[in-house]
mmCIF file of all heavy atoms, coordinates in Angstrom:
data_MODEL
# 
_entry.id   MODEL 
# 
loop_
_atom_site.group_PDB 
_atom_site.id 
_atom_site.type_symbol 
_atom_site.label_atom_id 
_atom_site.label_alt_id 
_atom_site.label_comp_id 
_atom_site.label_asym_id 
_atom_site.label_entity_id 
_atom_site.label_seq_id 
_atom_site.pdbx_PDB_ins_code 
_atom_site.Cartn_x 
_atom_site.Cartn_y 
_atom_site.Cartn_z 
_atom_site.occupancy 
_atom_site.B_iso_or_equiv 
_atom_site.pdbx_formal_charge 
_atom_site.auth_seq_id 
_atom_site.auth_comp_id 
_atom_site.auth_asym_id 
_atom_site.auth_atom_id 
_atom_site.pdbx_PDB_model_num 
ATOM 1   N N   . HIS A 1 1  ? -3.363  53.195 8.752  1.00 0.00 ? 1  HIS A N   1 
ATOM 2   C CA  . HIS A 1 1  ? -2.877  51.930 9.384  1.00 0.00 ? 1  HIS A CA  1 
ATOM 3   C C   . HIS A 1 1  ? -1.695  52.170 10.240 1.00 0.00 ? 1  HIS A C   1 
ATOM 4   O O   . HIS A 1 1  ? -1.592  51.507 11.315 1.00 0.00 ? 1  HIS A O   1 
ATOM 5   C CB  . HIS A 1 1  ? -2.564  50.883 8.349  1.00 0.00 ? 1  HIS A CB  1 
ATOM 6   C CG  . HIS A 1 1  ? -3.815  50.319 7.626  1.00 0.00 ? 1  HIS A CG  1 
ATOM 7   N ND1 . HIS A 1 1  ? -4.467  49.214 8.162  1.00 0.00 ? 1  HIS A ND1 1 
ATOM 8   C CD2 . HIS A 1 1  ? -4.518  50.699 6.566  1.00 0.00 ? 1  HIS A CD2 1 
ATOM 9   C CE1 . HIS A 1 1  ? -5.511  48.971 7.377  1.00 0.00 ? 1  HIS A CE1 1 
ATOM 10  N NE2 . HIS A 1 1  ? -5.517  49.846 6.439  1.00 0.00 ? 1  HIS A NE2 1 
ATOM 11  N N   . SER A 1 2  ? -0.784  52.987 9.782  1.00 0.00 ? 2  SER A N   1 
ATOM 12  C CA  . SER A 1 2  ? 0.395   53.308 10.587 1.00 0.00 ? 2  SER A CA  1 
ATOM 13  C C   . SER A 1 2  ? 0.019   53.984 11.909 1.00 0.00 ? 2  SER A C   1 
ATOM 14  O O   . SER A 1 2  ? 0.711   53.944 12.915 1.00 0.00 ? 2  SER A O   1 
ATOM 15  C CB  . SER A 1 2  ? 1.444   54.001 9.803  1.00 0.00 ? 2  SER A CB  1 
ATOM 16  O OG  . SER A 1 2  ? 1.024   55.286 9.472  1.00 0.00 ? 2  SER A OG  1 
ATOM 17  N N   . ALA A 1 3  ? -1.005  54.875 11.844 1.00 0.00 ? 3  ALA A N   1 
ATOM 18  C CA  . ALA A 1 3  ? -1.464  55.494 13.103 1.00 0.00 ? 3  ALA A CA  1 
ATOM 19  C C   . ALA A 1 3  ? -2.073  54.549 14.067 1.00 0.00 ? 3  ALA A C   1 
ATOM 20  O O   . ALA A 1 3  ? -1.943  54.728 15.286 1.00 0.00 ? 3  ALA A O   1 
ATOM 21  C CB  . ALA A 1 3  ? -2.527  56.652 12.679 1.00 0.00 ? 3  ALA A CB  1 
ATOM 22  N N   . ASP A 1 4  ? -2.730  53.569 13.621 1.00 0.00 ? 4  ASP A N   1 
ATOM 23  C CA  . ASP A 1 4  ? -3.293  52.530 14.479 1.00 0.00 ? 4  ASP A CA  1 
ATOM 24  C C   . ASP A 1 4  ? -2.960  51.162 13.901 1.00 0.00 ? 4  ASP A C   1 
ATOM 25  O O   . ASP A 1 4  ? -3.740  50.631 13.121 1.00 0.00 ? 4  ASP A O   1 
ATOM 26  C CB  . ASP A 1 4  ? -4.872  52.767 14.527 1.00 0.00 ? 4  ASP A CB  1 
ATOM 27  C CG  . ASP A 1 4  ? -5.506  51.795 15.504 1.00 0.00 ? 4  ASP A CG  1 
ATOM 28  O OD1 . ASP A 1 4  ? -4.806  51.118 16.296 1.00 0.00 ? 4  ASP A OD1 1 
ATOM 29  O OD2 . ASP A 1 4  ? -6.715  51.674 15.469 1.00 0.00 ? 4  ASP A OD2 1 
ATOM 30  N N   . GLY A 1 5  ? -1.837  50.600 14.326 1.00 0.00 ? 5  GLY A N   1 
ATOM 31  C CA  . GLY A 1 5  ? -1.405  49.347 13.837 1.00 0.00 ? 5  GLY A CA  1 
ATOM 32  C C   . GLY A 1 5  ? -2.446  48.192 14.071 1.00 0.00 ? 5  GLY A C   1 
ATOM 33  O O   . GLY A 1 5  ? -2.412  47.166 13.435 1.00 0.00 ? 5  GLY A O   1 
ATOM 34  N N   . ARG A 1 6  ? -3.261  48.401 15.107 1.00 0.00 ? 6  ARG A N   1 
ATOM 35  C CA  . ARG A 1 6  ? -4.241  47.335 15.349 1.00 0.00 ? 6  ARG A CA  1 
ATOM 36  C C   . ARG A 1 6  ? -5.246  47.159 14.231 1.00 0.00 ? 6  ARG A C   1 
ATOM 37  O O   . ARG A 1 6  ? -5.674  46.055 13.974 1.00 0.00 ? 6  ARG A O   1 
ATOM 38  C CB  . ARG A 1 6  ? -4.970  47.611 16.668 1.00 0.00 ? 6  ARG A CB  1 
ATOM 39  C CG  . ARG A 1 6  ? -4.070  47.520 17.918 1.00 0.00 ? 6  ARG A CG  1 
ATOM 40  C CD  . ARG A 1 6  ? -4.826  47.956 19.096 1.00 0.00 ? 6  ARG A CD  1 
ATOM 41  N NE  . ARG A 1 6  ? -5.162  49.314 19.020 1.00 0.00 ? 6  ARG A NE  1 
ATOM 42  C CZ  . ARG A 1 6  ? -5.818  49.988 19.895 1.00 0.00 ? 6  ARG A CZ  1 
ATOM 43  N NH1 . ARG A 1 6  ? -6.395  49.355 20.876 1.00 0.00 ? 6  ARG A NH1 1 
ATOM 44  N NH2 . ARG A 1 6  ? -6.157  51.300 19.706 1.00 0.00 ? 6  ARG A NH2 1 
ATOM 45  N N   . THR A 1 7  ? -5.674  48.227 13.558 1.00 0.00 ? 7  THR A N   1 
ATOM 46  C CA  . THR A 1 7  ? -6.536  48.157 12.455 1.00 0.00 ? 7  THR A CA  1 
ATOM 47  C C   . THR A 1 7  ? -5.942  47.255 11.347 1.00 0.00 ? 7  THR A C   1 
ATOM 48  O O   . THR A 1 7  ? -6.561  46.406 10.798 1.00 0.00 ? 7  THR A O   1 
ATOM 49  C CB  . THR A 1 7  ? -6.931  49.528 11.886 1.00 0.00 ? 7  THR A CB  1 
ATOM 50  O OG1 . THR A 1 7  ? -7.417  50.316 12.883 1.00 0.00 ? 7  THR A OG1 1 
ATOM 51  C CG2 . THR A 1 7  ? -7.848  49.421 10.750 1.00 0.00 ? 7  THR A CG2 1 
ATOM 52  N N   . HIS A 1 8  ? -4.629  47.487 11.053 1.00 0.00 ? 8  HIS A N   1 
ATOM 53  C CA  . HIS A 1 8  ? -3.986  46.817 10.053 1.00 0.00 ? 8  HIS A CA  1 
ATOM 54  C C   . HIS A 1 8  ? -3.844  45.276 10.393 1.00 0.00 ? 8  HIS A C   1 
ATOM 55  O O   . HIS A 1 8  ? -4.149  44.368 9.628  1.00 0.00 ? 8  HIS A O   1 
ATOM 56  C CB  . HIS A 1 8  ? -2.627  47.309 9.822  1.00 0.00 ? 8  HIS A CB  1 
ATOM 57  C CG  . HIS A 1 8  ? -1.812  46.616 8.714  1.00 0.00 ? 8  HIS A CG  1 
ATOM 58  N ND1 . HIS A 1 8  ? -1.990  46.823 7.418  1.00 0.00 ? 8  HIS A ND1 1 
ATOM 59  C CD2 . HIS A 1 8  ? -0.774  45.751 8.896  1.00 0.00 ? 8  HIS A CD2 1 
ATOM 60  C CE1 . HIS A 1 8  ? -1.196  46.085 6.721  1.00 0.00 ? 8  HIS A CE1 1 
ATOM 61  N NE2 . HIS A 1 8  ? -0.450  45.383 7.553  1.00 0.00 ? 8  HIS A NE2 1 
ATOM 62  N N   . ALA A 1 9  ? -3.476  45.080 11.686 1.00 0.00 ? 9  ALA A N   1 
ATOM 63  C CA  . ALA A 1 9  ? -3.359  43.677 12.135 1.00 0.00 ? 9  ALA A CA  1 
ATOM 64  C C   . ALA A 1 9  ? -4.607  42.911 12.098 1.00 0.00 ? 9  ALA A C   1 
ATOM 65  O O   . ALA A 1 9  ? -4.709  41.746 11.714 1.00 0.00 ? 9  ALA A O   1 
ATOM 66  C CB  . ALA A 1 9  ? -2.745  43.620 13.551 1.00 0.00 ? 9  ALA A CB  1 
ATOM 67  N N   . LEU A 1 10 ? -5.732  43.572 12.465 1.00 0.00 ? 10 LEU A N   1 
ATOM 68  C CA  . LEU A 1 10 ? -7.024  42.909 12.439 1.00 0.00 ? 10 LEU A CA  1 
ATOM 69  C C   . LEU A 1 10 ? -7.457  42.500 11.044 1.00 0.00 ? 10 LEU A C   1 
ATOM 70  O O   . LEU A 1 10 ? -7.889  41.425 10.773 1.00 0.00 ? 10 LEU A O   1 
ATOM 71  C CB  . LEU A 1 10 ? -8.084  43.800 13.096 1.00 0.00 ? 10 LEU A CB  1 
ATOM 72  C CG  . LEU A 1 10 ? -9.515  43.251 13.044 1.00 0.00 ? 10 LEU A CG  1 
ATOM 73  C CD1 . LEU A 1 10 ? -9.533  41.950 13.910 1.00 0.00 ? 10 LEU A CD1 1 
ATOM 74  C CD2 . LEU A 1 10 ? -10.464 44.227 13.605 1.00 0.00 ? 10 LEU A CD2 1 
ATOM 75  N N   . ARG A 1 11 ? -7.325  43.476 10.111 1.00 0.00 ? 11 ARG A N   1 
ATOM 76  C CA  . ARG A 1 11 ? -7.631  43.153 8.691  1.00 0.00 ? 11 ARG A CA  1 
ATOM 77  C C   . ARG A 1 11 ? -6.723  42.071 8.203  1.00 0.00 ? 11 ARG A C   1 
ATOM 78  O O   . ARG A 1 11 ? -7.200  41.168 7.443  1.00 0.00 ? 11 ARG A O   1 
ATOM 79  C CB  . ARG A 1 11 ? -7.489  44.411 7.861  1.00 0.00 ? 11 ARG A CB  1 
ATOM 80  C CG  . ARG A 1 11 ? -8.551  45.420 8.043  1.00 0.00 ? 11 ARG A CG  1 
ATOM 81  C CD  . ARG A 1 11 ? -8.421  46.535 7.093  1.00 0.00 ? 11 ARG A CD  1 
ATOM 82  N NE  . ARG A 1 11 ? -9.507  47.552 7.368  1.00 0.00 ? 11 ARG A NE  1 
ATOM 83  C CZ  . ARG A 1 11 ? -9.581  48.673 6.714  1.00 0.00 ? 11 ARG A CZ  1 
ATOM 84  N NH1 . ARG A 1 11 ? -8.694  48.916 5.824  1.00 0.00 ? 11 ARG A NH1 1 
ATOM 85  N NH2 . ARG A 1 11 ? -10.543 49.531 6.930  1.00 0.00 ? 11 ARG A NH2 1 
ATOM 86  N N   . TYR A 1 12 ? -5.434  42.097 8.478  1.00 0.00 ? 12 TYR A N   1 
ATOM 87  C CA  . TYR A 1 12 ? -4.592  41.025 8.064  1.00 0.00 ? 12 TYR A CA  1 
ATOM 88  C C   . TYR A 1 12 ? -4.974  39.668 8.589  1.00 0.00 ? 12 TYR A C   1 
ATOM 89  O O   . TYR A 1 12 ? -5.086  38.673 7.837  1.00 0.00 ? 12 TYR A O   1 
ATOM 90  C CB  . TYR A 1 12 ? -3.147  41.395 8.572  1.00 0.00 ? 12 TYR A CB  1 
ATOM 91  C CG  . TYR A 1 12 ? -2.117  40.427 8.136  1.00 0.00 ? 12 TYR A CG  1 
ATOM 92  C CD1 . TYR A 1 12 ? -1.564  40.386 6.825  1.00 0.00 ? 12 TYR A CD1 1 
ATOM 93  C CD2 . TYR A 1 12 ? -1.616  39.528 9.118  1.00 0.00 ? 12 TYR A CD2 1 
ATOM 94  C CE1 . TYR A 1 12 ? -0.561  39.487 6.599  1.00 0.00 ? 12 TYR A CE1 1 
ATOM 95  C CE2 . TYR A 1 12 ? -0.646  38.580 8.758  1.00 0.00 ? 12 TYR A CE2 1 
ATOM 96  C CZ  . TYR A 1 12 ? -0.125  38.582 7.484  1.00 0.00 ? 12 TYR A CZ  1 
ATOM 97  O OH  . TYR A 1 12 ? 0.785   37.721 7.092  1.00 0.00 ? 12 TYR A OH  1 
ATOM 98  N N   . ARG A 1 13 ? -5.282  39.622 9.815  1.00 0.00 ? 13 ARG A N   1 
ATOM 99  C CA  . ARG A 1 13 ? -5.722  38.281 10.423 1.00 0.00 ? 13 ARG A CA  1 
ATOM 100 C C   . ARG A 1 13 ? -7.067  37.841 9.881  1.00 0.00 ? 13 ARG A C   1 
ATOM 101 O O   . ARG A 1 13 ? -7.273  36.682 9.671  1.00 0.00 ? 13 ARG A O   1 
ATOM 102 C CB  . ARG A 1 13 ? -5.710  38.445 11.956 1.00 0.00 ? 13 ARG A CB  1 
ATOM 103 C CG  . ARG A 1 13 ? -4.322  38.492 12.464 1.00 0.00 ? 13 ARG A CG  1 
ATOM 104 C CD  . ARG A 1 13 ? -4.307  38.684 14.007 1.00 0.00 ? 13 ARG A CD  1 
ATOM 105 N NE  . ARG A 1 13 ? -2.977  38.923 14.423 1.00 0.00 ? 13 ARG A NE  1 
ATOM 106 C CZ  . ARG A 1 13 ? -2.412  38.442 15.516 1.00 0.00 ? 13 ARG A CZ  1 
ATOM 107 N NH1 . ARG A 1 13 ? -3.116  37.710 16.340 1.00 0.00 ? 13 ARG A NH1 1 
ATOM 108 N NH2 . ARG A 1 13 ? -1.166  38.729 15.830 1.00 0.00 ? 13 ARG A NH2 1 
ATOM 109 N N   . LEU A 1 14 ? -7.971  38.749 9.694  1.00 0.00 ? 14 LEU A N   1 
ATOM 110 C CA  . LEU A 1 14 ? -9.229  38.365 9.097  1.00 0.00 ? 14 LEU A CA  1 
ATOM 111 C C   . LEU A 1 14 ? -9.028  37.822 7.680  1.00 0.00 ? 14 LEU A C   1 
ATOM 112 O O   . LEU A 1 14 ? -9.690  36.815 7.239  1.00 0.00 ? 14 LEU A O   1 
ATOM 113 C CB  . LEU A 1 14 ? -10.189 39.531 9.056  1.00 0.00 ? 14 LEU A CB  1 
ATOM 114 C CG  . LEU A 1 14 ? -10.756 39.873 10.376 1.00 0.00 ? 14 LEU A CG  1 
ATOM 115 C CD1 . LEU A 1 14 ? -11.599 41.179 10.324 1.00 0.00 ? 14 LEU A CD1 1 
ATOM 116 C CD2 . LEU A 1 14 ? -11.636 38.743 10.993 1.00 0.00 ? 14 LEU A CD2 1 
ATOM 117 N N   . ALA A 1 15 ? -8.125  38.431 6.946  1.00 0.00 ? 15 ALA A N   1 
ATOM 118 C CA  . ALA A 1 15 ? -7.867  38.012 5.562  1.00 0.00 ? 15 ALA A CA  1 
ATOM 119 C C   . ALA A 1 15 ? -7.268  36.578 5.600  1.00 0.00 ? 15 ALA A C   1 
ATOM 120 O O   . ALA A 1 15 ? -7.615  35.758 4.807  1.00 0.00 ? 15 ALA A O   1 
ATOM 121 C CB  . ALA A 1 15 ? -6.891  38.985 4.856  1.00 0.00 ? 15 ALA A CB  1 
ATOM 122 N N   . ARG A 1 16 ? -6.305  36.316 6.534  1.00 0.00 ? 16 ARG A N   1 
ATOM 123 C CA  . ARG A 1 16 ? -5.722  35.045 6.626  1.00 0.00 ? 16 ARG A CA  1 
ATOM 124 C C   . ARG A 1 16 ? -6.764  33.980 7.055  1.00 0.00 ? 16 ARG A C   1 
ATOM 125 O O   . ARG A 1 16 ? -6.647  32.798 6.755  1.00 0.00 ? 16 ARG A O   1 
ATOM 126 C CB  . ARG A 1 16 ? -4.599  35.025 7.706  1.00 0.00 ? 16 ARG A CB  1 
ATOM 127 C CG  . ARG A 1 16 ? -3.403  35.775 7.174  1.00 0.00 ? 16 ARG A CG  1 
ATOM 128 C CD  . ARG A 1 16 ? -2.702  34.918 6.131  1.00 0.00 ? 16 ARG A CD  1 
ATOM 129 N NE  . ARG A 1 16 ? -1.508  35.549 5.775  1.00 0.00 ? 16 ARG A NE  1 
ATOM 130 C CZ  . ARG A 1 16 ? -0.818  35.223 4.768  1.00 0.00 ? 16 ARG A CZ  1 
ATOM 131 N NH1 . ARG A 1 16 ? -1.290  34.319 3.985  1.00 0.00 ? 16 ARG A NH1 1 
ATOM 132 N NH2 . ARG A 1 16 ? 0.295   35.746 4.484  1.00 0.00 ? 16 ARG A NH2 1 
ATOM 133 N N   . ALA A 1 17 ? -7.778  34.358 7.839  1.00 0.00 ? 17 ALA A N   1 
ATOM 134 C CA  . ALA A 1 17 ? -8.734  33.391 8.275  1.00 0.00 ? 17 ALA A CA  1 
ATOM 135 C C   . ALA A 1 17 ? -9.837  33.143 7.338  1.00 0.00 ? 17 ALA A C   1 
ATOM 136 O O   . ALA A 1 17 ? -10.646 32.147 7.464  1.00 0.00 ? 17 ALA A O   1 
ATOM 137 C CB  . ALA A 1 17 ? -9.413  33.852 9.631  1.00 0.00 ? 17 ALA A CB  1 
ATOM 138 N N   . SER A 1 18 ? -9.975  33.944 6.263  1.00 0.00 ? 18 SER A N   1 
ATOM 139 C CA  . SER A 1 18 ? -11.108 33.858 5.308  1.00 0.00 ? 18 SER A CA  1 
ATOM 140 C C   . SER A 1 18 ? -11.071 32.528 4.566  1.00 0.00 ? 18 SER A C   1 
ATOM 141 O O   . SER A 1 18 ? -12.217 31.958 4.332  1.00 0.00 ? 18 SER A O   1 
ATOM 142 C CB  . SER A 1 18 ? -11.185 35.034 4.369  1.00 0.00 ? 18 SER A CB  1 
ATOM 143 O OG  . SER A 1 18 ? -10.002 34.999 3.552  1.00 0.00 ? 18 SER A OG  1 
ATOM 144 N N   . VAL A 1 19 ? -9.990  32.035 4.134  1.00 0.00 ? 19 VAL A N   1 
ATOM 145 C CA  . VAL A 1 19 ? -9.918  30.797 3.366  1.00 0.00 ? 19 VAL A CA  1 
ATOM 146 C C   . VAL A 1 19 ? -10.301 29.585 4.209  1.00 0.00 ? 19 VAL A C   1 
ATOM 147 O O   . VAL A 1 19 ? -11.148 28.736 3.821  1.00 0.00 ? 19 VAL A O   1 
ATOM 148 C CB  . VAL A 1 19 ? -8.599  30.617 2.585  1.00 0.00 ? 19 VAL A CB  1 
ATOM 149 C CG1 . VAL A 1 19 ? -8.530  29.254 1.919  1.00 0.00 ? 19 VAL A CG1 1 
ATOM 150 C CG2 . VAL A 1 19 ? -8.490  31.760 1.541  1.00 0.00 ? 19 VAL A CG2 1 
ATOM 151 N N   . PRO A 1 20 ? -9.660  29.370 5.396  1.00 0.00 ? 20 PRO A N   1 
ATOM 152 C CA  . PRO A 1 20 ? -10.072 28.290 6.294  1.00 0.00 ? 20 PRO A CA  1 
ATOM 153 C C   . PRO A 1 20 ? -11.548 28.350 6.631  1.00 0.00 ? 20 PRO A C   1 
ATOM 154 O O   . PRO A 1 20 ? -12.226 27.347 6.673  1.00 0.00 ? 20 PRO A O   1 
ATOM 155 C CB  . PRO A 1 20 ? -9.191  28.415 7.439  1.00 0.00 ? 20 PRO A CB  1 
ATOM 156 C CG  . PRO A 1 20 ? -8.009  29.153 6.977  1.00 0.00 ? 20 PRO A CG  1 
ATOM 157 C CD  . PRO A 1 20 ? -8.477  30.085 5.919  1.00 0.00 ? 20 PRO A CD  1 
ATOM 158 N N   . ALA A 1 21 ? -12.026 29.519 6.878  1.00 0.00 ? 21 ALA A N   1 
ATOM 159 C CA  . ALA A 1 21 ? -13.417 29.725 7.292  1.00 0.00 ? 21 ALA A CA  1 
ATOM 160 C C   . ALA A 1 21 ? -14.323 29.428 6.189  1.00 0.00 ? 21 ALA A C   1 
ATOM 161 O O   . ALA A 1 21 ? -15.417 28.847 6.338  1.00 0.00 ? 21 ALA A O   1 
ATOM 162 C CB  . ALA A 1 21 ? -13.713 31.146 7.737  1.00 0.00 ? 21 ALA A CB  1 
ATOM 163 N N   . SER A 1 22 ? -13.867 29.550 4.932  1.00 0.00 ? 22 SER A N   1 
ATOM 164 C CA  . SER A 1 22 ? -14.725 29.165 3.770  1.00 0.00 ? 22 SER A CA  1 
ATOM 165 C C   . SER A 1 22 ? -14.832 27.678 3.668  1.00 0.00 ? 22 SER A C   1 
ATOM 166 O O   . SER A 1 22 ? -15.897 27.202 3.170  1.00 0.00 ? 22 SER A O   1 
ATOM 167 C CB  . SER A 1 22 ? -14.150 29.703 2.476  1.00 0.00 ? 22 SER A CB  1 
ATOM 168 O OG  . SER A 1 22 ? -12.860 29.036 2.172  1.00 0.00 ? 22 SER A OG  1 
ATOM 169 N N   . GLY A 1 23 ? -13.888 26.904 4.203  1.00 0.00 ? 23 GLY A N   1 
ATOM 170 C CA  . GLY A 1 23 ? -14.043 25.456 4.231  1.00 0.00 ? 23 GLY A CA  1 
ATOM 171 C C   . GLY A 1 23 ? -15.221 25.004 5.114  1.00 0.00 ? 23 GLY A C   1 
ATOM 172 O O   . GLY A 1 23 ? -16.025 24.189 4.877  1.00 0.00 ? 23 GLY A O   1 
ATOM 173 N N   . VAL A 1 24 ? -15.302 25.653 6.366  1.00 0.00 ? 24 VAL A N   1 
ATOM 174 C CA  . VAL A 1 24 ? -16.375 25.388 7.232  1.00 0.00 ? 24 VAL A CA  1 
ATOM 175 C C   . VAL A 1 24 ? -17.706 25.797 6.615  1.00 0.00 ? 24 VAL A C   1 
ATOM 176 O O   . VAL A 1 24 ? -18.694 25.108 6.653  1.00 0.00 ? 24 VAL A O   1 
ATOM 177 C CB  . VAL A 1 24 ? -16.108 26.091 8.558  1.00 0.00 ? 24 VAL A CB  1 
ATOM 178 C CG1 . VAL A 1 24 ? -17.292 25.957 9.502  1.00 0.00 ? 24 VAL A CG1 1 
ATOM 179 C CG2 . VAL A 1 24 ? -14.823 25.610 9.266  1.00 0.00 ? 24 VAL A CG2 1 
ATOM 180 N N   . ALA A 1 25 ? -17.665 26.916 6.009  1.00 0.00 ? 25 ALA A N   1 
ATOM 181 C CA  . ALA A 1 25 ? -18.914 27.462 5.313  1.00 0.00 ? 25 ALA A CA  1 
ATOM 182 C C   . ALA A 1 25 ? -19.412 26.526 4.253  1.00 0.00 ? 25 ALA A C   1 
ATOM 183 O O   . ALA A 1 25 ? -20.563 26.287 4.127  1.00 0.00 ? 25 ALA A O   1 
ATOM 184 C CB  . ALA A 1 25 ? -18.686 28.834 4.773  1.00 0.00 ? 25 ALA A CB  1 
ATOM 185 N N   . SER A 1 26 ? -18.446 25.949 3.417  1.00 0.00 ? 26 SER A N   1 
ATOM 186 C CA  . SER A 1 26 ? -18.758 25.036 2.424  1.00 0.00 ? 26 SER A CA  1 
ATOM 187 C C   . SER A 1 26 ? -19.373 23.806 2.929  1.00 0.00 ? 26 SER A C   1 
ATOM 188 O O   . SER A 1 26 ? -20.369 23.195 2.357  1.00 0.00 ? 26 SER A O   1 
ATOM 189 C CB  . SER A 1 26 ? -17.571 24.758 1.523  1.00 0.00 ? 26 SER A CB  1 
ATOM 190 O OG  . SER A 1 26 ? -16.632 23.990 2.167  1.00 0.00 ? 26 SER A OG  1 
# 
């Protein structure tokens, strides 16, 4: 992750979006 900060940032943002997205999925 430190070699490519974008990978870390993408995973972090996807993790943050998972709960709101689950509301739409429900």
